[in-house]
Amino acid sequence: MSTLEELDDLDRQDRDDKKKDSGDDKDKKPSGDGDAEMKDAEPEEDDVLDEEILSLGTQDILTRRRLLENDSRIMKSEFQRLSHEKATMGEKIKENMEKIANNRYARDPNSLLLVYIR
């Protein structure tokens, strides 16, 4: 994917090439800021989907709705499962970190270990 700077450079090169080809370079003042002119946004693909949905029958729309609801339910349950698994792993990690800390403390020769000798 190109960066914005690269895209700006390409736009400037295209404008410069068009100016050279058309010979209008003498009549126009160059803009000092180098910003490209804003164009109207192109229509999004939502319009195409709306036309597609409008052309469908009632049963087809109901079927699609049911499929989307099923997908949504599946994704929710998968999200809950993964959230639970993440929480479980977090607890295990915490317990293991405590075990590691306890083992370090027990093996440290400078720690205070009281040994009872009979």
PDB file of N, CA and C in Angstrom:
ATOM      1  N   MET A   1       0.838  -1.163   0.000  1.00  0.00           N
ATOM      2  CA  MET A   1       0.000   0.000   0.000  1.00  0.00           C
ATOM      3  C   MET A   1       0.891   1.236   0.000  1.00  0.00           C
ATOM      4  N   SER A   2       0.520   2.237  -0.769  1.00  0.00           N
ATOM      5  CA  SER A   2       1.322   3.437  -0.893  1.00  0.00           C
ATOM      6  C   SER A   2       1.055   4.388   0.257  1.00  0.00           C
ATOM      7  N   THR A   3       2.072   5.183   0.559  1.00  0.00           N
ATOM      8  CA  THR A   3       1.890   6.179   1.592  1.00  0.00           C
ATOM      9  C   THR A   3       1.251   7.421   0.985  1.00  0.00           C
ATOM     10  N   LEU A   4       0.753   8.293   1.832  1.00  0.00           N
ATOM     11  CA  LEU A   4       0.118   9.521   1.355  1.00  0.00           C
ATOM     12  C   LEU A   4       1.109  10.395   0.603  1.00  0.00           C
ATOM     13  N   GLU A   5       2.341  10.423   1.061  1.00  0.00           N
ATOM     14  CA  GLU A   5       3.340  11.239   0.386  1.00  0.00           C
ATOM     15  C   GLU A   5       3.579  10.744  -1.035  1.00  0.00           C
ATOM     16  N   GLU A   6       3.655   9.426  -1.199  1.00  0.00           N
ATOM     17  CA  GLU A   6       3.860   8.869  -2.529  1.00  0.00           C
ATOM     18  C   GLU A   6       2.676   9.194  -3.433  1.00  0.00           C
ATOM     19  N   LEU A   7       1.466   9.110  -2.899  1.00  0.00           N
ATOM     20  CA  LEU A   7       0.282   9.432  -3.692  1.00  0.00           C
ATOM     21  C   LEU A   7       0.266  10.908  -4.073  1.00  0.00           C
ATOM     22  N   ASP A   8       0.656  11.785  -3.146  1.00  0.00           N
ATOM     23  CA  ASP A   8       0.730  13.215  -3.463  1.00  0.00           C
ATOM     24  C   ASP A   8       1.758  13.464  -4.557  1.00  0.00           C
ATOM     25  N   ASP A   9       2.899  12.809  -4.468  1.00  0.00           N
ATOM     26  CA  ASP A   9       3.931  12.961  -5.492  1.00  0.00           C
ATOM     27  C   ASP A   9       3.412  12.514  -6.859  1.00  0.00           C
ATOM     28  N   LEU A  10       2.704  11.401  -6.894  1.00  0.00           N
ATOM     29  CA  LEU A  10       2.148  10.925  -8.163  1.00  0.00           C
ATOM     30  C   LEU A  10       1.132  11.906  -8.721  1.00  0.00           C
ATOM     31  N   ASP A  11       0.295  12.477  -7.850  1.00  0.00           N
ATOM     32  CA  ASP A  11      -0.687  13.474  -8.304  1.00  0.00           C
ATOM     33  C   ASP A  11       0.009  14.693  -8.888  1.00  0.00           C
ATOM     34  N   ARG A  12       1.058  15.161  -8.196  1.00  0.00           N
ATOM     35  CA  ARG A  12       1.797  16.324  -8.694  1.00  0.00           C
ATOM     36  C   ARG A  12       2.450  16.021 -10.042  1.00  0.00           C
ATOM     37  N   GLN A  13       3.014  14.836 -10.181  1.00  0.00           N
ATOM     38  CA  GLN A  13       3.639  14.464 -11.452  1.00  0.00           C
ATOM     39  C   GLN A  13       2.609  14.419 -12.571  1.00  0.00           C
ATOM     40  N   ASP A  14       1.435  13.870 -12.286  1.00  0.00           N
ATOM     41  CA  ASP A  14       0.376  13.817 -13.298  1.00  0.00           C
ATOM     42  C   ASP A  14      -0.064  15.214 -13.709  1.00  0.00           C
ATOM     43  N   ARG A  15      -0.231  16.107 -12.725  1.00  0.00           N
ATOM     44  CA  ARG A  15      -0.635  17.482 -13.051  1.00  0.00           C
ATOM     45  C   ARG A  15       0.445  18.189 -13.862  1.00  0.00           C
ATOM     46  N   ASP A  16       1.699  17.996 -13.481  1.00  0.00           N
ATOM     47  CA  ASP A  16       2.793  18.622 -14.231  1.00  0.00           C
ATOM     48  C   ASP A  16       2.844  18.109 -15.663  1.00  0.00           C
ATOM     49  N   ASP A  17       2.644  16.797 -15.841  1.00  0.00           N
ATOM     50  CA  ASP A  17       2.645  16.220 -17.183  1.00  0.00           C
ATOM     51  C   ASP A  17       1.499  16.770 -18.022  1.00  0.00           C
ATOM     52  N   LYS A  18       0.337  16.920 -17.413  1.00  0.00           N
ATOM     53  CA  LYS A  18      -0.817  17.468 -18.145  1.00  0.00           C
ATOM     54  C   LYS A  18      -0.585  18.921 -18.530  1.00  0.00           C
ATOM     55  N   LYS A  19       0.045  19.692 -17.639  1.00  0.00           N
ATOM     56  CA  LYS A  19       0.330  21.090 -17.942  1.00  0.00           C
ATOM     57  C   LYS A  19       1.309  21.200 -19.102  1.00  0.00           C
ATOM     58  N   LYS A  20       2.317  20.330 -19.105  1.00  0.00           N
ATOM     59  CA  LYS A  20       3.309  20.351 -20.176  1.00  0.00           C
ATOM     60  C   LYS A  20       2.671  19.972 -21.510  1.00  0.00           C
ATOM     61  N   ASP A  21       1.774  18.981 -21.489  1.00  0.00           N
ATOM     62  CA  ASP A  21       1.136  18.521 -22.703  1.00  0.00           C
ATOM     63  C   ASP A  21       0.147  19.537 -23.256  1.00  0.00           C
ATOM     64  N   SER A  22      -0.573  20.237 -22.387  1.00  0.00           N
ATOM     65  CA  SER A  22      -1.608  21.152 -22.848  1.00  0.00           C
ATOM     66  C   SER A  22      -1.062  22.535 -23.175  1.00  0.00           C
ATOM     67  N   GLY A  23       0.065  22.920 -22.627  1.00  0.00           N
ATOM     68  CA  GLY A  23       0.639  24.228 -22.894  1.00  0.00           C
ATOM     69  C   GLY A  23      -0.050  25.331 -22.120  1.00  0.00           C
ATOM     70  N   ASP A  24      -0.889  25.003 -21.147  1.00  0.00           N
ATOM     71  CA  ASP A  24      -1.594  25.989 -20.344  1.00  0.00           C
ATOM     72  C   ASP A  24      -0.750  26.471 -19.182  1.00  0.00           C
ATOM     73  N   ASP A  25       0.486  26.149 -19.174  1.00  0.00           N
ATOM     74  CA  ASP A  25       1.376  26.450 -18.066  1.00  0.00           C
ATOM     75  C   ASP A  25       1.543  27.959 -17.891  1.00  0.00           C
ATOM     76  N   LYS A  26       1.429  28.734 -18.991  1.00  0.00           N
ATOM     77  CA  LYS A  26       1.651  30.170 -18.935  1.00  0.00           C
ATOM     78  C   LYS A  26       0.441  30.898 -18.361  1.00  0.00           C
ATOM     79  N   ASP A  27      -0.765  30.390 -18.584  1.00  0.00           N
ATOM     80  CA  ASP A  27      -1.981  31.082 -18.197  1.00  0.00           C
ATOM     81  C   ASP A  27      -2.332  30.909 -16.724  1.00  0.00           C
ATOM     82  N   LYS A  28      -1.986  29.812 -16.114  1.00  0.00           N
ATOM     83  CA  LYS A  28      -2.395  29.505 -14.748  1.00  0.00           C
ATOM     84  C   LYS A  28      -1.291  29.858 -13.766  1.00  0.00           C
ATOM     85  N   LYS A  29      -1.732  30.270 -12.570  1.00  0.00           N
ATOM     86  CA  LYS A  29      -0.770  30.522 -11.495  1.00  0.00           C
ATOM     87  C   LYS A  29      -0.576  29.218 -10.727  1.00  0.00           C
ATOM     88  N   PRO A  30       0.645  28.869 -10.428  1.00  0.00           N
ATOM     89  CA  PRO A  30       0.846  27.652  -9.627  1.00  0.00           C
ATOM     90  C   PRO A  30       0.436  27.909  -8.181  1.00  0.00           C
ATOM     91  N   SER A  31      -0.210  26.934  -7.601  1.00  0.00           N
ATOM     92  CA  SER A  31      -0.591  27.062  -6.196  1.00  0.00           C
ATOM     93  C   SER A  31       0.630  26.743  -5.341  1.00  0.00           C
ATOM     94  N   GLY A  32       0.894  27.581  -4.359  1.00  0.00           N
ATOM     95  CA  GLY A  32       2.088  27.452  -3.539  1.00  0.00           C
ATOM     96  C   GLY A  32       2.005  26.332  -2.519  1.00  0.00           C
ATOM     97  N   ASP A  33       0.778  25.933  -2.132  1.00  0.00           N
ATOM     98  CA  ASP A  33       0.675  24.946  -1.069  1.00  0.00           C
ATOM     99  C   ASP A  33       0.800  23.510  -1.569  1.00  0.00           C
ATOM    100  N   GLY A  34       0.608  23.270  -2.844  1.00  0.00           N
ATOM    101  CA  GLY A  34       0.783  21.935  -3.396  1.00  0.00           C
ATOM    102  C   GLY A  34      -0.358  20.990  -3.096  1.00  0.00           C
ATOM    103  N   ASP A  35      -1.472  21.507  -2.574  1.00  0.00           N
ATOM    104  CA  ASP A  35      -2.616  20.654  -2.279  1.00  0.00           C
ATOM    105  C   ASP A  35      -3.378  20.323  -3.556  1.00  0.00           C
ATOM    106  N   ALA A  36      -3.889  19.143  -3.606  1.00  0.00           N
ATOM    107  CA  ALA A  36      -4.689  18.725  -4.748  1.00  0.00           C
ATOM    108  C   ALA A  36      -6.109  19.237  -4.561  1.00  0.00           C
ATOM    109  N   GLU A  37      -6.790  19.487  -5.673  1.00  0.00           N
ATOM    110  CA  GLU A  37      -8.169  19.924  -5.594  1.00  0.00           C
ATOM    111  C   GLU A  37      -9.034  18.762  -5.153  1.00  0.00           C
ATOM    112  N   MET A  38      -9.987  19.042  -4.282  1.00  0.00           N
ATOM    113  CA  MET A  38     -10.884  18.014  -3.781  1.00  0.00           C
ATOM    114  C   MET A  38     -11.978  17.754  -4.813  1.00  0.00           C
ATOM    115  N   LYS A  39     -12.247  16.516  -5.053  1.00  0.00           N
ATOM    116  CA  LYS A  39     -13.312  16.118  -5.960  1.00  0.00           C
ATOM    117  C   LYS A  39     -14.446  15.543  -5.144  1.00  0.00           C
ATOM    118  N   ASP A  40     -15.630  15.518  -5.714  1.00  0.00           N
ATOM    119  CA  ASP A  40     -16.771  14.923  -5.033  1.00  0.00           C
ATOM    120  C   ASP A  40     -16.515  13.436  -4.845  1.00  0.00           C
ATOM    121  N   ALA A  41     -17.001  12.948  -3.736  1.00  0.00           N
ATOM    122  CA  ALA A  41     -16.824  11.528  -3.443  1.00  0.00           C
ATOM    123  C   ALA A  41     -17.619  10.696  -4.428  1.00  0.00           C
ATOM    124  N   GLU A  42     -17.032   9.583  -4.795  1.00  0.00           N
ATOM    125  CA  GLU A  42     -17.733   8.679  -5.701  1.00  0.00           C
ATOM    126  C   GLU A  42     -18.827   7.959  -4.947  1.00  0.00           C
ATOM    127  N   PRO A  43     -19.925   7.637  -5.610  1.00  0.00           N
ATOM    128  CA  PRO A  43     -21.007   6.929  -4.912  1.00  0.00           C
ATOM    129  C   PRO A  43     -20.510   5.583  -4.395  1.00  0.00           C
ATOM    130  N   GLU A  44     -20.929   5.266  -3.182  1.00  0.00           N
ATOM    131  CA  GLU A  44     -20.482   4.022  -2.565  1.00  0.00           C
ATOM    132  C   GLU A  44     -21.261   2.846  -3.126  1.00  0.00           C
ATOM    133  N   GLU A  45     -20.804   1.651  -2.776  1.00  0.00           N
ATOM    134  CA  GLU A  45     -21.431   0.446  -3.289  1.00  0.00           C
ATOM    135  C   GLU A  45     -22.730   0.123  -2.568  1.00  0.00           C
ATOM    136  N   ASP A  46     -23.096   0.904  -1.552  1.00  0.00           N
ATOM    137  CA  ASP A  46     -24.349   0.663  -0.847  1.00  0.00           C
ATOM    138  C   ASP A  46     -25.537   0.770  -1.788  1.00  0.00           C
ATOM    139  N   ASP A  47     -25.429   1.666  -2.772  1.00  0.00           N
ATOM    140  CA  ASP A  47     -26.520   1.822  -3.726  1.00  0.00           C
ATOM    141  C   ASP A  47     -26.755   0.529  -4.501  1.00  0.00           C
ATOM    142  N   VAL A  48     -25.665  -0.145  -4.869  1.00  0.00           N
ATOM    143  CA  VAL A  48     -25.783  -1.394  -5.611  1.00  0.00           C
ATOM    144  C   VAL A  48     -26.480  -2.450  -4.753  1.00  0.00           C
ATOM    145  N   LEU A  49     -26.110  -2.516  -3.484  1.00  0.00           N
ATOM    146  CA  LEU A  49     -26.727  -3.492  -2.597  1.00  0.00           C
ATOM    147  C   LEU A  49     -28.203  -3.187  -2.401  1.00  0.00           C
ATOM    148  N   ASP A  50     -28.546  -1.908  -2.308  1.00  0.00           N
ATOM    149  CA  ASP A  50     -29.946  -1.547  -2.143  1.00  0.00           C
ATOM    150  C   ASP A  50     -30.774  -2.003  -3.344  1.00  0.00           C
ATOM    151  N   GLU A  51     -30.247  -1.806  -4.536  1.00  0.00           N
ATOM    152  CA  GLU A  51     -30.954  -2.243  -5.736  1.00  0.00           C
ATOM    153  C   GLU A  51     -31.105  -3.758  -5.751  1.00  0.00           C
ATOM    154  N   GLU A  52     -30.062  -4.457  -5.299  1.00  0.00           N
ATOM    155  CA  GLU A  52     -30.120  -5.915  -5.264  1.00  0.00           C
ATOM    156  C   GLU A  52     -31.193  -6.381  -4.286  1.00  0.00           C
ATOM    157  N   ILE A  53     -31.236  -5.754  -3.128  1.00  0.00           N
ATOM    158  CA  ILE A  53     -32.228  -6.143  -2.125  1.00  0.00           C
ATOM    159  C   ILE A  53     -33.631  -5.817  -2.609  1.00  0.00           C
ATOM    160  N   LEU A  54     -33.783  -4.681  -3.256  1.00  0.00           N
ATOM    161  CA  LEU A  54     -35.109  -4.303  -3.764  1.00  0.00           C
ATOM    162  C   LEU A  54     -35.619  -5.279  -4.810  1.00  0.00           C
ATOM    163  N   SER A  55     -34.704  -5.895  -5.534  1.00  0.00           N
ATOM    164  CA  SER A  55     -35.133  -6.816  -6.589  1.00  0.00           C
ATOM    165  C   SER A  55     -35.455  -8.208  -6.049  1.00  0.00           C
ATOM    166  N   LEU A  56     -35.082  -8.498  -4.789  1.00  0.00           N
ATOM    167  CA  LEU A  56     -35.334  -9.813  -4.216  1.00  0.00           C
ATOM    168  C   LEU A  56     -36.787  -9.948  -3.754  1.00  0.00           C
ATOM    169  N   GLY A  57     -37.193 -11.191  -3.665  1.00  0.00           N
ATOM    170  CA  GLY A  57     -38.528 -11.471  -3.157  1.00  0.00           C
ATOM    171  C   GLY A  57     -38.536 -11.485  -1.643  1.00  0.00           C
ATOM    172  N   THR A  58     -39.727 -11.528  -1.066  1.00  0.00           N
ATOM    173  CA  THR A  58     -39.881 -11.505   0.385  1.00  0.00           C
ATOM    174  C   THR A  58     -39.212 -12.704   1.032  1.00  0.00           C
ATOM    175  N   GLN A  59     -39.398 -13.877   0.470  1.00  0.00           N
ATOM    176  CA  GLN A  59     -38.806 -15.086   1.048  1.00  0.00           C
ATOM    177  C   GLN A  59     -37.279 -15.031   1.015  1.00  0.00           C
ATOM    178  N   ASP A  60     -36.717 -14.503  -0.065  1.00  0.00           N
ATOM    179  CA  ASP A  60     -35.257 -14.388  -0.156  1.00  0.00           C
ATOM    180  C   ASP A  60     -34.707 -13.445   0.909  1.00  0.00           C
ATOM    181  N   ILE A  61     -35.418 -12.339   1.124  1.00  0.00           N
ATOM    182  CA  ILE A  61     -34.979 -11.385   2.141  1.00  0.00           C
ATOM    183  C   ILE A  61     -35.068 -12.016   3.526  1.00  0.00           C
ATOM    184  N   LEU A  62     -36.157 -12.728   3.803  1.00  0.00           N
ATOM    185  CA  LEU A  62     -36.307 -13.393   5.098  1.00  0.00           C
ATOM    186  C   LEU A  62     -35.233 -14.452   5.304  1.00  0.00           C
ATOM    187  N   THR A  63     -34.898 -15.168   4.245  1.00  0.00           N
ATOM    188  CA  THR A  63     -33.849 -16.183   4.326  1.00  0.00           C
ATOM    189  C   THR A  63     -32.501 -15.538   4.640  1.00  0.00           C
ATOM    190  N   ARG A  64     -32.205 -14.444   3.963  1.00  0.00           N
ATOM    191  CA  ARG A  64     -30.943 -13.743   4.229  1.00  0.00           C
ATOM    192  C   ARG A  64     -30.891 -13.218   5.655  1.00  0.00           C
ATOM    193  N   ARG A  65     -32.032 -12.684   6.122  1.00  0.00           N
ATOM    194  CA  ARG A  65     -32.078 -12.183   7.491  1.00  0.00           C
ATOM    195  C   ARG A  65     -31.822 -13.307   8.492  1.00  0.00           C
ATOM    196  N   ARG A  66     -32.427 -14.446   8.254  1.00  0.00           N
ATOM    197  CA  ARG A  66     -32.244 -15.592   9.143  1.00  0.00           C
ATOM    198  C   ARG A  66     -30.783 -16.057   9.137  1.00  0.00           C
ATOM    199  N   LEU A  67     -30.181 -16.074   7.966  1.00  0.00           N
ATOM    200  CA  LEU A  67     -28.762 -16.463   7.866  1.00  0.00           C
ATOM    201  C   LEU A  67     -27.868 -15.478   8.629  1.00  0.00           C
ATOM    202  N   LEU A  68     -28.171 -14.180   8.494  1.00  0.00           N
ATOM    203  CA  LEU A  68     -27.384 -13.174   9.206  1.00  0.00           C
ATOM    204  C   LEU A  68     -27.559 -13.305  10.718  1.00  0.00           C
ATOM    205  N   GLU A  69     -28.775 -13.590  11.161  1.00  0.00           N
ATOM    206  CA  GLU A  69     -29.018 -13.777  12.595  1.00  0.00           C
ATOM    207  C   GLU A  69     -28.259 -14.998  13.118  1.00  0.00           C
ATOM    208  N   ASN A  70     -28.254 -16.069  12.336  1.00  0.00           N
ATOM    209  CA  ASN A  70     -27.506 -17.268  12.738  1.00  0.00           C
ATOM    210  C   ASN A  70     -26.014 -16.977  12.831  1.00  0.00           C
ATOM    211  N   ASP A  71     -25.489 -16.278  11.825  1.00  0.00           N
ATOM    212  CA  ASP A  71     -24.067 -15.913  11.853  1.00  0.00           C
ATOM    213  C   ASP A  71     -23.758 -15.049  13.063  1.00  0.00           C
ATOM    214  N   SER A  72     -24.648 -14.128  13.364  1.00  0.00           N
ATOM    215  CA  SER A  72     -24.458 -13.253  14.513  1.00  0.00           C
ATOM    216  C   SER A  72     -24.434 -14.061  15.808  1.00  0.00           C
ATOM    217  N   ARG A  73     -25.353 -15.016  15.946  1.00  0.00           N
ATOM    218  CA  ARG A  73     -25.385 -15.857  17.148  1.00  0.00           C
ATOM    219  C   ARG A  73     -24.107 -16.676  17.281  1.00  0.00           C
ATOM    220  N   ILE A  74     -23.654 -17.229  16.178  1.00  0.00           N
ATOM    221  CA  ILE A  74     -22.421 -18.028  16.192  1.00  0.00           C
ATOM    222  C   ILE A  74     -21.227 -17.169  16.596  1.00  0.00           C
ATOM    223  N   MET A  75     -21.151 -15.964  16.049  1.00  0.00           N
ATOM    224  CA  MET A  75     -20.034 -15.078  16.387  1.00  0.00           C
ATOM    225  C   MET A  75     -20.081 -14.655  17.848  1.00  0.00           C
ATOM    226  N   LYS A  76     -21.291 -14.407  18.385  1.00  0.00           N
ATOM    227  CA  LYS A  76     -21.410 -14.046  19.801  1.00  0.00           C
ATOM    228  C   LYS A  76     -20.937 -15.191  20.692  1.00  0.00           C
ATOM    229  N   SER A  77     -21.357 -16.406  20.376  1.00  0.00           N
ATOM    230  CA  SER A  77     -20.940 -17.541  21.198  1.00  0.00           C
ATOM    231  C   SER A  77     -19.439 -17.778  21.090  1.00  0.00           C
ATOM    232  N   GLU A  78     -18.888 -17.592  19.912  1.00  0.00           N
ATOM    233  CA  GLU A  78     -17.441 -17.737  19.723  1.00  0.00           C
ATOM    234  C   GLU A  78     -16.697 -16.664  20.516  1.00  0.00           C
ATOM    235  N   PHE A  79     -17.228 -15.453  20.518  1.00  0.00           N
ATOM    236  CA  PHE A  79     -16.625 -14.368  21.286  1.00  0.00           C
ATOM    237  C   PHE A  79     -16.645 -14.692  22.778  1.00  0.00           C
ATOM    238  N   GLN A  80     -17.770 -15.206  23.276  1.00  0.00           N
ATOM    239  CA  GLN A  80     -17.868 -15.569  24.688  1.00  0.00           C
ATOM    240  C   GLN A  80     -16.888 -16.696  25.033  1.00  0.00           C
ATOM    241  N   ARG A  81     -16.776 -17.672  24.150  1.00  0.00           N
ATOM    242  CA  ARG A  81     -15.853 -18.776  24.382  1.00  0.00           C
ATOM    243  C   ARG A  81     -14.415 -18.271  24.455  1.00  0.00           C
ATOM    244  N   LEU A  82     -14.056 -17.413  23.521  1.00  0.00           N
ATOM    245  CA  LEU A  82     -12.692 -16.886  23.506  1.00  0.00           C
ATOM    246  C   LEU A  82     -12.431 -15.977  24.704  1.00  0.00           C
ATOM    247  N   SER A  83     -13.426 -15.211  25.112  1.00  0.00           N
ATOM    248  CA  SER A  83     -13.269 -14.358  26.295  1.00  0.00           C
ATOM    249  C   SER A  83     -13.050 -15.209  27.537  1.00  0.00           C
ATOM    250  N   HIS A  84     -13.812 -16.288  27.659  1.00  0.00           N
ATOM    251  CA  HIS A  84     -13.651 -17.188  28.804  1.00  0.00           C
ATOM    252  C   HIS A  84     -12.271 -17.841  28.780  1.00  0.00           C
ATOM    253  N   GLU A  85     -11.848 -18.269  27.599  1.00  0.00           N
ATOM    254  CA  GLU A  85     -10.527 -18.901  27.465  1.00  0.00           C
ATOM    255  C   GLU A  85      -9.420 -17.916  27.826  1.00  0.00           C
ATOM    256  N   LYS A  86      -9.581 -16.661  27.417  1.00  0.00           N
ATOM    257  CA  LYS A  86      -8.593 -15.635  27.745  1.00  0.00           C
ATOM    258  C   LYS A  86      -8.529 -15.417  29.256  1.00  0.00           C
ATOM    259  N   ALA A  87      -9.699 -15.353  29.905  1.00  0.00           N
ATOM    260  CA  ALA A  87      -9.730 -15.164  31.359  1.00  0.00           C
ATOM    261  C   ALA A  87      -9.077 -16.346  32.074  1.00  0.00           C
ATOM    262  N   THR A  88      -9.352 -17.552  31.600  1.00  0.00           N
ATOM    263  CA  THR A  88      -8.767 -18.749  32.201  1.00  0.00           C
ATOM    264  C   THR A  88      -7.245 -18.737  32.065  1.00  0.00           C
ATOM    265  N   MET A  89      -6.761 -18.400  30.871  1.00  0.00           N
ATOM    266  CA  MET A  89      -5.314 -18.337  30.656  1.00  0.00           C
ATOM    267  C   MET A  89      -4.679 -17.255  31.519  1.00  0.00           C
ATOM    268  N   GLY A  90      -5.373 -16.131  31.685  1.00  0.00           N
ATOM    269  CA  GLY A  90      -4.864 -15.062  32.541  1.00  0.00           C
ATOM    270  C   GLY A  90      -4.709 -15.529  33.978  1.00  0.00           C
ATOM    271  N   GLU A  91      -5.694 -16.292  34.466  1.00  0.00           N
ATOM    272  CA  GLU A  91      -5.605 -16.827  35.824  1.00  0.00           C
ATOM    273  C   GLU A  91      -4.453 -17.816  35.953  1.00  0.00           C
ATOM    274  N   LYS A  92      -4.282 -18.679  34.946  1.00  0.00           N
ATOM    275  CA  LYS A  92      -3.183 -19.643  34.987  1.00  0.00           C
ATOM    276  C   LYS A  92      -1.833 -18.933  34.980  1.00  0.00           C
ATOM    277  N   ILE A  93      -1.732 -17.895  34.178  1.00  0.00           N
ATOM    278  CA  ILE A  93      -0.473 -17.142  34.115  1.00  0.00           C
ATOM    279  C   ILE A  93      -0.184 -16.504  35.465  1.00  0.00           C
ATOM    280  N   LYS A  94      -1.218 -15.937  36.079  1.00  0.00           N
ATOM    281  CA  LYS A  94      -1.040 -15.308  37.386  1.00  0.00           C
ATOM    282  C   LYS A  94      -0.584 -16.334  38.427  1.00  0.00           C
ATOM    283  N   GLU A  95      -1.222 -17.518  38.438  1.00  0.00           N
ATOM    284  CA  GLU A  95      -0.829 -18.575  39.380  1.00  0.00           C
ATOM    285  C   GLU A  95       0.614 -19.010  39.138  1.00  0.00           C
ATOM    286  N   ASN A  96       0.993 -19.170  37.877  1.00  0.00           N
ATOM    287  CA  ASN A  96       2.360 -19.592  37.558  1.00  0.00           C
ATOM    288  C   ASN A  96       3.377 -18.530  37.963  1.00  0.00           C
ATOM    289  N   MET A  97       3.031 -17.263  37.799  1.00  0.00           N
ATOM    290  CA  MET A  97       3.945 -16.198  38.212  1.00  0.00           C
ATOM    291  C   MET A  97       4.140 -16.226  39.720  1.00  0.00           C
ATOM    292  N   GLU A  98       3.065 -16.501  40.460  1.00  0.00           N
ATOM    293  CA  GLU A  98       3.180 -16.617  41.918  1.00  0.00           C
ATOM    294  C   GLU A  98       4.068 -17.804  42.297  1.00  0.00           C
ATOM    295  N   LYS A  99       3.913 -18.926  41.603  1.00  0.00           N
ATOM    296  CA  LYS A  99       4.756 -20.100  41.873  1.00  0.00           C
ATOM    297  C   LYS A  99       6.220 -19.785  41.615  1.00  0.00           C
ATOM    298  N   ILE A 100       6.472 -19.083  40.516  1.00  0.00           N
ATOM    299  CA  ILE A 100       7.852 -18.724  40.182  1.00  0.00           C
ATOM    300  C   ILE A 100       8.431 -17.820  41.261  1.00  0.00           C
ATOM    301  N   ALA A 101       7.633 -16.850  41.713  1.00  0.00           N
ATOM    302  CA  ALA A 101       8.112 -15.944  42.763  1.00  0.00           C
ATOM    303  C   ALA A 101       8.384 -16.714  44.050  1.00  0.00           C
ATOM    304  N   ASN A 102       7.522 -17.657  44.391  1.00  0.00           N
ATOM    305  CA  ASN A 102       7.727 -18.454  45.603  1.00  0.00           C
ATOM    306  C   ASN A 102       8.981 -19.315  45.492  1.00  0.00           C
ATOM    307  N   ASN A 103       9.228 -19.908  44.342  1.00  0.00           N
ATOM    308  CA  ASN A 103      10.419 -20.739  44.164  1.00  0.00           C
ATOM    309  C   ASN A 103      11.697 -19.903  44.238  1.00  0.00           C
ATOM    310  N   ARG A 104      11.661 -18.713  43.702  1.00  0.00           N
ATOM    311  CA  ARG A 104      12.833 -17.850  43.788  1.00  0.00           C
ATOM    312  C   ARG A 104      13.120 -17.483  45.233  1.00  0.00           C
ATOM    313  N   TYR A 105      12.079 -17.206  45.983  1.00  0.00           N
ATOM    314  CA  TYR A 105      12.240 -16.831  47.379  1.00  0.00           C
ATOM    315  C   TYR A 105      12.787 -18.010  48.194  1.00  0.00           C
ATOM    316  N   ALA A 106      12.294 -19.207  47.916  1.00  0.00           N
ATOM    317  CA  ALA A 106      12.728 -20.387  48.665  1.00  0.00           C
ATOM    318  C   ALA A 106      14.170 -20.757  48.345  1.00  0.00           C
ATOM    319  N   ARG A 107      14.627 -20.502  47.149  1.00  0.00           N
ATOM    320  CA  ARG A 107      15.985 -20.889  46.752  1.00  0.00           C
ATOM    321  C   ARG A 107      17.008 -19.794  47.030  1.00  0.00           C
ATOM    322  N   ASP A 108      16.559 -18.619  47.369  1.00  0.00           N
ATOM    323  CA  ASP A 108      17.461 -17.499  47.626  1.00  0.00           C
ATOM    324  C   ASP A 108      18.212 -17.747  48.928  1.00  0.00           C
ATOM    325  N   PRO A 109      19.555 -17.812  48.923  1.00  0.00           N
ATOM    326  CA  PRO A 109      20.310 -18.092  50.155  1.00  0.00           C
ATOM    327  C   PRO A 109      20.217 -16.951  51.163  1.00  0.00           C
ATOM    328  N   ASN A 110      19.864 -15.779  50.712  1.00  0.00           N
ATOM    329  CA  ASN A 110      19.770 -14.648  51.617  1.00  0.00           C
ATOM    330  C   ASN A 110      18.405 -14.560  52.302  1.00  0.00           C
ATOM    331  N   SER A 111      17.497 -15.431  51.920  1.00  0.00           N
ATOM    332  CA  SER A 111      16.170 -15.383  52.533  1.00  0.00           C
ATOM    333  C   SER A 111      16.219 -16.001  53.921  1.00  0.00           C
ATOM    334  N   LEU A 112      15.276 -15.630  54.712  1.00  0.00           N
ATOM    335  CA  LEU A 112      15.230 -16.133  56.091  1.00  0.00           C
ATOM    336  C   LEU A 112      14.474 -17.444  56.113  1.00  0.00           C
ATOM    337  N   LEU A 113      15.208 -18.537  56.188  1.00  0.00           N
ATOM    338  CA  LEU A 113      14.600 -19.842  56.297  1.00  0.00           C
ATOM    339  C   LEU A 113      14.909 -20.387  57.691  1.00  0.00           C
ATOM    340  N   LEU A 114      13.897 -20.657  58.393  1.00  0.00           N
ATOM    341  CA  LEU A 114      14.093 -21.198  59.738  1.00  0.00           C
ATOM    342  C   LEU A 114      13.983 -22.712  59.684  1.00  0.00           C
ATOM    343  N   VAL A 115      15.017 -23.356  60.138  1.00  0.00           N
ATOM    344  CA  VAL A 115      15.055 -24.802  60.141  1.00  0.00           C
ATOM    345  C   VAL A 115      15.048 -25.263  61.594  1.00  0.00           C
ATOM    346  N   TYR A 116      14.133 -26.058  61.915  1.00  0.00           N
ATOM    347  CA  TYR A 116      14.051 -26.580  63.275  1.00  0.00           C
ATOM    348  C   TYR A 116      14.838 -27.888  63.353  1.00  0.00           C
ATOM    349  N   ILE A 117      15.764 -27.917  64.236  1.00  0.00           N
ATOM    350  CA  ILE A 117      16.570 -29.110  64.433  1.00  0.00           C
ATOM    351  C   ILE A 117      16.169 -29.712  65.765  1.00  0.00           C
ATOM    352  N   ARG A 118      15.891 -30.965  65.793  1.00  0.00           N
ATOM    353  CA  ARG A 118      15.519 -31.644  67.038  1.00  0.00           C
ATOM    354  C   ARG A 118      16.690 -32.285  67.658  1.00  0.00           C
TER     355      ARG A 118
END
